[in-house]
Amino acid sequence: MPSSDQIRAKLGLGPRPKPLFGHNRSHAMNATQKISKPNLQNKWVVINGQRYRVKLTAREMRTLDKKGISLASVE
């Protein structure tokens, strides 16, 4: 069973996205922590007739759909 990094490499995707960090700034310039998490979803991907479960972002699913790689919904 290949690792998720190996499956992502076969699909032509980079490493799994990480959350983005920053600050919310009020009018008084007070800084509070802000985190933007990636939209990860579990999907089944078919590669060479084998099905693999992979966590993909919504953007990555659109990219794979454009490339013509078949995605199946989680069962």
PDB file of N, CA and C in Angstrom:
ATOM      1  N   MET A   1       0.851  -1.190   0.000  1.00  0.00           N
ATOM      2  CA  MET A   1       0.000   0.000   0.000  1.00  0.00           C
ATOM      3  C   MET A   1       0.887   1.239   0.000  1.00  0.00           C
ATOM      4  N   PRO A   2       0.837   2.046  -1.061  1.00  0.00           N
ATOM      5  CA  PRO A   2       1.660   3.256  -1.100  1.00  0.00           C
ATOM      6  C   PRO A   2       1.158   4.297  -0.106  1.00  0.00           C
ATOM      7  N   SER A   3       2.065   5.157   0.331  1.00  0.00           N
ATOM      8  CA  SER A   3       1.692   6.210   1.269  1.00  0.00           C
ATOM      9  C   SER A   3       0.900   7.292   0.537  1.00  0.00           C
ATOM     10  N   SER A   4       0.293   8.174   1.313  1.00  0.00           N
ATOM     11  CA  SER A   4      -0.502   9.240   0.701  1.00  0.00           C
ATOM     12  C   SER A   4       0.379  10.189  -0.110  1.00  0.00           C
ATOM     13  N   ASP A   5       1.638  10.385   0.305  1.00  0.00           N
ATOM     14  CA  ASP A   5       2.552  11.237  -0.462  1.00  0.00           C
ATOM     15  C   ASP A   5       2.864  10.622  -1.818  1.00  0.00           C
ATOM     16  N   GLN A   6       3.026   9.293  -1.861  1.00  0.00           N
ATOM     17  CA  GLN A   6       3.297   8.615  -3.130  1.00  0.00           C
ATOM     18  C   GLN A   6       2.083   8.681  -4.051  1.00  0.00           C
ATOM     19  N   ILE A   7       0.888   8.542  -3.486  1.00  0.00           N
ATOM     20  CA  ILE A   7      -0.334   8.635  -4.291  1.00  0.00           C
ATOM     21  C   ILE A   7      -0.484  10.042  -4.840  1.00  0.00           C
ATOM     22  N   ARG A   8      -0.218  11.051  -4.006  1.00  0.00           N
ATOM     23  CA  ARG A   8      -0.310  12.445  -4.447  1.00  0.00           C
ATOM     24  C   ARG A   8       0.701  12.733  -5.550  1.00  0.00           C
ATOM     25  N   ALA A   9       1.892  12.127  -5.464  1.00  0.00           N
ATOM     26  CA  ALA A   9       2.907  12.317  -6.498  1.00  0.00           C
ATOM     27  C   ALA A   9       2.448  11.699  -7.822  1.00  0.00           C
ATOM     28  N   LYS A  10       1.810  10.518  -7.761  1.00  0.00           N
ATOM     29  CA  LYS A  10       1.301   9.885  -8.975  1.00  0.00           C
ATOM     30  C   LYS A  10       0.212  10.733  -9.631  1.00  0.00           C
ATOM     31  N   LEU A  11      -0.548  11.449  -8.812  1.00  0.00           N
ATOM     32  CA  LEU A  11      -1.620  12.296  -9.337  1.00  0.00           C
ATOM     33  C   LEU A  11      -1.095  13.640  -9.841  1.00  0.00           C
ATOM     34  N   GLY A  12       0.181  13.917  -9.592  1.00  0.00           N
ATOM     35  CA  GLY A  12       0.758  15.185 -10.019  1.00  0.00           C
ATOM     36  C   GLY A  12       0.474  16.320  -9.057  1.00  0.00           C
ATOM     37  N   LEU A  13       0.180  15.979  -7.792  1.00  0.00           N
ATOM     38  CA  LEU A  13      -0.104  16.997  -6.779  1.00  0.00           C
ATOM     39  C   LEU A  13       1.102  17.162  -5.864  1.00  0.00           C
ATOM     40  N   GLY A  14       1.205  18.313  -5.244  1.00  0.00           N
ATOM     41  CA  GLY A  14       2.288  18.571  -4.306  1.00  0.00           C
ATOM     42  C   GLY A  14       1.957  18.017  -2.928  1.00  0.00           C
ATOM     43  N   PRO A  15       2.678  18.472  -1.915  1.00  0.00           N
ATOM     44  CA  PRO A  15       2.395  18.007  -0.556  1.00  0.00           C
ATOM     45  C   PRO A  15       1.028  18.484  -0.085  1.00  0.00           C
ATOM     46  N   ARG A  16       0.516  17.842   0.970  1.00  0.00           N
ATOM     47  CA  ARG A  16      -0.805  18.192   1.483  1.00  0.00           C
ATOM     48  C   ARG A  16      -0.790  19.624   2.032  1.00  0.00           C
ATOM     49  N   PRO A  17      -1.790  20.427   1.712  1.00  0.00           N
ATOM     50  CA  PRO A  17      -1.812  21.824   2.157  1.00  0.00           C
ATOM     51  C   PRO A  17      -1.898  21.956   3.673  1.00  0.00           C
ATOM     52  N   LYS A  18      -1.278  22.980   4.187  1.00  0.00           N
ATOM     53  CA  LYS A  18      -1.262  23.278   5.615  1.00  0.00           C
ATOM     54  C   LYS A  18      -2.155  24.500   5.880  1.00  0.00           C
ATOM     55  N   PRO A  19      -2.587  24.695   7.122  1.00  0.00           N
ATOM     56  CA  PRO A  19      -3.378  25.896   7.440  1.00  0.00           C
ATOM     57  C   PRO A  19      -2.555  27.177   7.274  1.00  0.00           C
ATOM     58  N   LEU A  20      -3.248  28.258   6.932  1.00  0.00           N
ATOM     59  CA  LEU A  20      -2.616  29.573   6.835  1.00  0.00           C
ATOM     60  C   LEU A  20      -2.877  30.330   8.132  1.00  0.00           C
ATOM     61  N   PHE A  21      -1.858  31.027   8.622  1.00  0.00           N
ATOM     62  CA  PHE A  21      -1.968  31.777   9.867  1.00  0.00           C
ATOM     63  C   PHE A  21      -1.836  33.264   9.587  1.00  0.00           C
ATOM     64  N   GLY A  22      -2.501  34.064  10.395  1.00  0.00           N
ATOM     65  CA  GLY A  22      -2.412  35.505  10.251  1.00  0.00           C
ATOM     66  C   GLY A  22      -3.071  36.184  11.438  1.00  0.00           C
ATOM     67  N   HIS A  23      -3.404  37.459  11.253  1.00  0.00           N
ATOM     68  CA  HIS A  23      -4.037  38.242  12.309  1.00  0.00           C
ATOM     69  C   HIS A  23      -5.284  38.920  11.779  1.00  0.00           C
ATOM     70  N   ASN A  24      -6.314  39.006  12.632  1.00  0.00           N
ATOM     71  CA  ASN A  24      -7.427  39.921  12.399  1.00  0.00           C
ATOM     72  C   ASN A  24      -7.020  41.251  13.003  1.00  0.00           C
ATOM     73  N   ARG A  25      -7.175  42.324  12.245  1.00  0.00           N
ATOM     74  CA  ARG A  25      -6.821  43.648  12.743  1.00  0.00           C
ATOM     75  C   ARG A  25      -8.080  44.495  12.875  1.00  0.00           C
ATOM     76  N   SER A  26      -8.332  44.986  14.091  1.00  0.00           N
ATOM     77  CA  SER A  26      -9.477  45.862  14.310  1.00  0.00           C
ATOM     78  C   SER A  26      -9.105  47.292  13.899  1.00  0.00           C
ATOM     79  N   HIS A  27     -10.090  48.182  13.985  1.00  0.00           N
ATOM     80  CA  HIS A  27      -9.836  49.590  13.653  1.00  0.00           C
ATOM     81  C   HIS A  27      -8.787  50.188  14.593  1.00  0.00           C
ATOM     82  N   ALA A  28      -8.754  49.678  15.837  1.00  0.00           N
ATOM     83  CA  ALA A  28      -7.772  50.156  16.812  1.00  0.00           C
ATOM     84  C   ALA A  28      -6.436  49.418  16.684  1.00  0.00           C
ATOM     85  N   MET A  29      -6.287  48.608  15.617  1.00  0.00           N
ATOM     86  CA  MET A  29      -5.064  47.858  15.326  1.00  0.00           C
ATOM     87  C   MET A  29      -4.756  46.779  16.357  1.00  0.00           C
ATOM     88  N   ASN A  30      -5.790  46.292  17.082  1.00  0.00           N
ATOM     89  CA  ASN A  30      -5.589  45.146  17.963  1.00  0.00           C
ATOM     90  C   ASN A  30      -5.448  43.899  17.087  1.00  0.00           C
ATOM     91  N   ALA A  31      -4.506  43.023  17.453  1.00  0.00           N
ATOM     92  CA  ALA A  31      -4.250  41.822  16.664  1.00  0.00           C
ATOM     93  C   ALA A  31      -4.797  40.598  17.391  1.00  0.00           C
ATOM     94  N   THR A  32      -5.623  39.813  16.712  1.00  0.00           N
ATOM     95  CA  THR A  32      -6.077  38.533  17.244  1.00  0.00           C
ATOM     96  C   THR A  32      -5.728  37.457  16.218  1.00  0.00           C
ATOM     97  N   GLN A  33      -5.474  36.257  16.691  1.00  0.00           N
ATOM     98  CA  GLN A  33      -5.053  35.173  15.804  1.00  0.00           C
ATOM     99  C   GLN A  33      -6.186  34.765  14.855  1.00  0.00           C
ATOM    100  N   LYS A  34      -5.800  34.453  13.615  1.00  0.00           N
ATOM    101  CA  LYS A  34      -6.747  33.990  12.614  1.00  0.00           C
ATOM    102  C   LYS A  34      -6.128  32.784  11.914  1.00  0.00           C
ATOM    103  N   ILE A  35      -6.905  31.720  11.718  1.00  0.00           N
ATOM    104  CA  ILE A  35      -6.435  30.522  11.032  1.00  0.00           C
ATOM    105  C   ILE A  35      -7.398  30.215   9.894  1.00  0.00           C
ATOM    106  N   SER A  36      -6.861  29.982   8.694  1.00  0.00           N
ATOM    107  CA  SER A  36      -7.657  29.552   7.544  1.00  0.00           C
ATOM    108  C   SER A  36      -7.267  28.124   7.229  1.00  0.00           C
ATOM    109  N   LYS A  37      -8.194  27.191   7.438  1.00  0.00           N
ATOM    110  CA  LYS A  37      -7.901  25.780   7.201  1.00  0.00           C
ATOM    111  C   LYS A  37      -8.261  25.394   5.772  1.00  0.00           C
ATOM    112  N   PRO A  38      -7.507  24.466   5.166  1.00  0.00           N
ATOM    113  CA  PRO A  38      -7.853  24.017   3.811  1.00  0.00           C
ATOM    114  C   PRO A  38      -9.122  23.174   3.828  1.00  0.00           C
ATOM    115  N   ASN A  39      -9.850  23.198   2.718  1.00  0.00           N
ATOM    116  CA  ASN A  39     -11.117  22.479   2.578  1.00  0.00           C
ATOM    117  C   ASN A  39     -10.812  21.027   2.190  1.00  0.00           C
ATOM    118  N   LEU A  40     -10.400  20.194   3.165  1.00  0.00           N
ATOM    119  CA  LEU A  40     -10.030  18.799   2.909  1.00  0.00           C
ATOM    120  C   LEU A  40     -11.262  17.900   2.910  1.00  0.00           C
ATOM    121  N   GLN A  41     -11.301  16.995   1.933  1.00  0.00           N
ATOM    122  CA  GLN A  41     -12.384  16.028   1.829  1.00  0.00           C
ATOM    123  C   GLN A  41     -11.802  14.675   1.451  1.00  0.00           C
ATOM    124  N   ASN A  42     -12.403  13.602   1.959  1.00  0.00           N
ATOM    125  CA  ASN A  42     -11.965  12.248   1.633  1.00  0.00           C
ATOM    126  C   ASN A  42     -12.586  11.826   0.309  1.00  0.00           C
ATOM    127  N   LYS A  43     -11.741  11.329  -0.590  1.00  0.00           N
ATOM    128  CA  LYS A  43     -12.214  10.852  -1.883  1.00  0.00           C
ATOM    129  C   LYS A  43     -11.485   9.567  -2.243  1.00  0.00           C
ATOM    130  N   TRP A  44     -12.143   8.740  -3.048  1.00  0.00           N
ATOM    131  CA  TRP A  44     -11.518   7.551  -3.624  1.00  0.00           C
ATOM    132  C   TRP A  44     -11.010   7.937  -4.999  1.00  0.00           C
ATOM    133  N   VAL A  45      -9.744   7.577  -5.282  1.00  0.00           N
ATOM    134  CA  VAL A  45      -9.128   7.877  -6.564  1.00  0.00           C
ATOM    135  C   VAL A  45      -8.744   6.560  -7.219  1.00  0.00           C
ATOM    136  N   VAL A  46      -9.024   6.428  -8.511  1.00  0.00           N
ATOM    137  CA  VAL A  46      -8.686   5.211  -9.246  1.00  0.00           C
ATOM    138  C   VAL A  46      -7.408   5.458 -10.035  1.00  0.00           C
ATOM    139  N   ILE A  47      -6.342   4.676  -9.714  1.00  0.00           N
ATOM    140  CA  ILE A  47      -5.068   4.756 -10.417  1.00  0.00           C
ATOM    141  C   ILE A  47      -4.712   3.346 -10.875  1.00  0.00           C
ATOM    142  N   ASN A  48      -4.603   3.147 -12.195  1.00  0.00           N
ATOM    143  CA  ASN A  48      -4.266   1.840 -12.786  1.00  0.00           C
ATOM    144  C   ASN A  48      -5.206   0.740 -12.292  1.00  0.00           C
ATOM    145  N   GLY A  49      -6.481   1.024 -12.183  1.00  0.00           N
ATOM    146  CA  GLY A  49      -7.457   0.032 -11.746  1.00  0.00           C
ATOM    147  C   GLY A  49      -7.521  -0.177 -10.241  1.00  0.00           C
ATOM    148  N   GLN A  50      -6.644   0.430  -9.464  1.00  0.00           N
ATOM    149  CA  GLN A  50      -6.637   0.322  -8.002  1.00  0.00           C
ATOM    150  C   GLN A  50      -7.327   1.536  -7.408  1.00  0.00           C
ATOM    151  N   ARG A  51      -8.112   1.317  -6.351  1.00  0.00           N
ATOM    152  CA  ARG A  51      -8.775   2.425  -5.660  1.00  0.00           C
ATOM    153  C   ARG A  51      -7.983   2.784  -4.407  1.00  0.00           C
ATOM    154  N   TYR A  52      -7.730   4.073  -4.226  1.00  0.00           N
ATOM    155  CA  TYR A  52      -7.025   4.575  -3.055  1.00  0.00           C
ATOM    156  C   TYR A  52      -7.846   5.698  -2.430  1.00  0.00           C
ATOM    157  N   ARG A  53      -7.860   5.732  -1.110  1.00  0.00           N
ATOM    158  CA  ARG A  53      -8.551   6.800  -0.391  1.00  0.00           C
ATOM    159  C   ARG A  53      -7.543   7.904  -0.101  1.00  0.00           C
ATOM    160  N   VAL A  54      -7.862   9.127  -0.518  1.00  0.00           N
ATOM    161  CA  VAL A  54      -6.948  10.256  -0.403  1.00  0.00           C
ATOM    162  C   VAL A  54      -7.713  11.455   0.139  1.00  0.00           C
ATOM    163  N   LYS A  55      -7.033  12.257   0.952  1.00  0.00           N
ATOM    164  CA  LYS A  55      -7.608  13.533   1.387  1.00  0.00           C
ATOM    165  C   LYS A  55      -7.203  14.600   0.377  1.00  0.00           C
ATOM    166  N   LEU A  56      -8.210  15.214  -0.256  1.00  0.00           N
ATOM    167  CA  LEU A  56      -7.981  16.232  -1.271  1.00  0.00           C
ATOM    168  C   LEU A  56      -8.707  17.511  -0.907  1.00  0.00           C
ATOM    169  N   THR A  57      -8.156  18.637  -1.345  1.00  0.00           N
ATOM    170  CA  THR A  57      -8.867  19.897  -1.193  1.00  0.00           C
ATOM    171  C   THR A  57      -9.843  20.034  -2.358  1.00  0.00           C
ATOM    172  N   ALA A  58     -10.784  20.955  -2.217  1.00  0.00           N
ATOM    173  CA  ALA A  58     -11.765  21.182  -3.267  1.00  0.00           C
ATOM    174  C   ALA A  58     -11.066  21.634  -4.550  1.00  0.00           C
ATOM    175  N   ARG A  59     -10.048  22.440  -4.434  1.00  0.00           N
ATOM    176  CA  ARG A  59      -9.307  22.910  -5.609  1.00  0.00           C
ATOM    177  C   ARG A  59      -8.599  21.756  -6.303  1.00  0.00           C
ATOM    178  N   GLU A  60      -8.008  20.843  -5.520  1.00  0.00           N
ATOM    179  CA  GLU A  60      -7.323  19.688  -6.109  1.00  0.00           C
ATOM    180  C   GLU A  60      -8.310  18.774  -6.829  1.00  0.00           C
ATOM    181  N   MET A  61      -9.520  18.629  -6.287  1.00  0.00           N
ATOM    182  CA  MET A  61     -10.529  17.807  -6.956  1.00  0.00           C
ATOM    183  C   MET A  61     -10.909  18.413  -8.301  1.00  0.00           C
ATOM    184  N   ARG A  62     -11.021  19.729  -8.365  1.00  0.00           N
ATOM    185  CA  ARG A  62     -11.330  20.395  -9.634  1.00  0.00           C
ATOM    186  C   ARG A  62     -10.193  20.193 -10.630  1.00  0.00           C
ATOM    187  N   THR A  63      -8.949  20.258 -10.149  1.00  0.00           N
ATOM    188  CA  THR A  63      -7.790  20.064 -11.019  1.00  0.00           C
ATOM    189  C   THR A  63      -7.762  18.646 -11.573  1.00  0.00           C
ATOM    190  N   LEU A  64      -8.009  17.637 -10.720  1.00  0.00           N
ATOM    191  CA  LEU A  64      -8.009  16.255 -11.174  1.00  0.00           C
ATOM    192  C   LEU A  64      -9.151  15.999 -12.150  1.00  0.00           C
ATOM    193  N   ASP A  65     -10.303  16.640 -11.923  1.00  0.00           N
ATOM    194  CA  ASP A  65     -11.424  16.504 -12.830  1.00  0.00           C
ATOM    195  C   ASP A  65     -11.063  17.074 -14.200  1.00  0.00           C
ATOM    196  N   LYS A  66     -10.338  18.177 -14.211  1.00  0.00           N
ATOM    197  CA  LYS A  66      -9.910  18.798 -15.454  1.00  0.00           C
ATOM    198  C   LYS A  66      -8.905  17.907 -16.194  1.00  0.00           C
ATOM    199  N   LYS A  67      -8.035  17.213 -15.437  1.00  0.00           N
ATOM    200  CA  LYS A  67      -7.052  16.303 -16.036  1.00  0.00           C
ATOM    201  C   LYS A  67      -7.695  15.017 -16.537  1.00  0.00           C
ATOM    202  N   GLY A  68      -8.906  14.706 -16.083  1.00  0.00           N
ATOM    203  CA  GLY A  68      -9.595  13.505 -16.516  1.00  0.00           C
ATOM    204  C   GLY A  68      -9.356  12.308 -15.617  1.00  0.00           C
ATOM    205  N   ILE A  69      -8.879  12.539 -14.392  1.00  0.00           N
ATOM    206  CA  ILE A  69      -8.664  11.447 -13.438  1.00  0.00           C
ATOM    207  C   ILE A  69      -9.965  11.204 -12.693  1.00  0.00           C
ATOM    208  N   SER A  70     -10.404   9.934 -12.671  1.00  0.00           N
ATOM    209  CA  SER A  70     -11.720   9.612 -12.113  1.00  0.00           C
ATOM    210  C   SER A  70     -11.691   9.627 -10.584  1.00  0.00           C
ATOM    211  N   LEU A  71     -12.677  10.306 -10.014  1.00  0.00           N
ATOM    212  CA  LEU A  71     -12.870  10.364  -8.570  1.00  0.00           C
ATOM    213  C   LEU A  71     -14.182   9.669  -8.244  1.00  0.00           C
ATOM    214  N   ALA A  72     -14.176   8.884  -7.186  1.00  0.00           N
ATOM    215  CA  ALA A  72     -15.405   8.242  -6.715  1.00  0.00           C
ATOM    216  C   ALA A  72     -15.714   8.788  -5.339  1.00  0.00           C
ATOM    217  N   SER A  73     -16.985   8.885  -4.985  1.00  0.00           N
ATOM    218  CA  SER A  73     -17.357   9.430  -3.691  1.00  0.00           C
ATOM    219  C   SER A  73     -17.042   8.421  -2.593  1.00  0.00           C
ATOM    220  N   VAL A  74     -16.917   8.906  -1.351  1.00  0.00           N
ATOM    221  CA  VAL A  74     -16.604   8.064  -0.209  1.00  0.00           C
ATOM    222  C   VAL A  74     -17.794   7.151   0.064  1.00  0.00           C
ATOM    223  N   GLU A  75     -17.511   5.879   0.276  1.00  0.00           N
ATOM    224  CA  GLU A  75     -18.581   4.903   0.540  1.00  0.00           C
ATOM    225  C   GLU A  75     -18.706   4.631   2.009  1.00  0.00           C
TER     226      GLU A  75
END
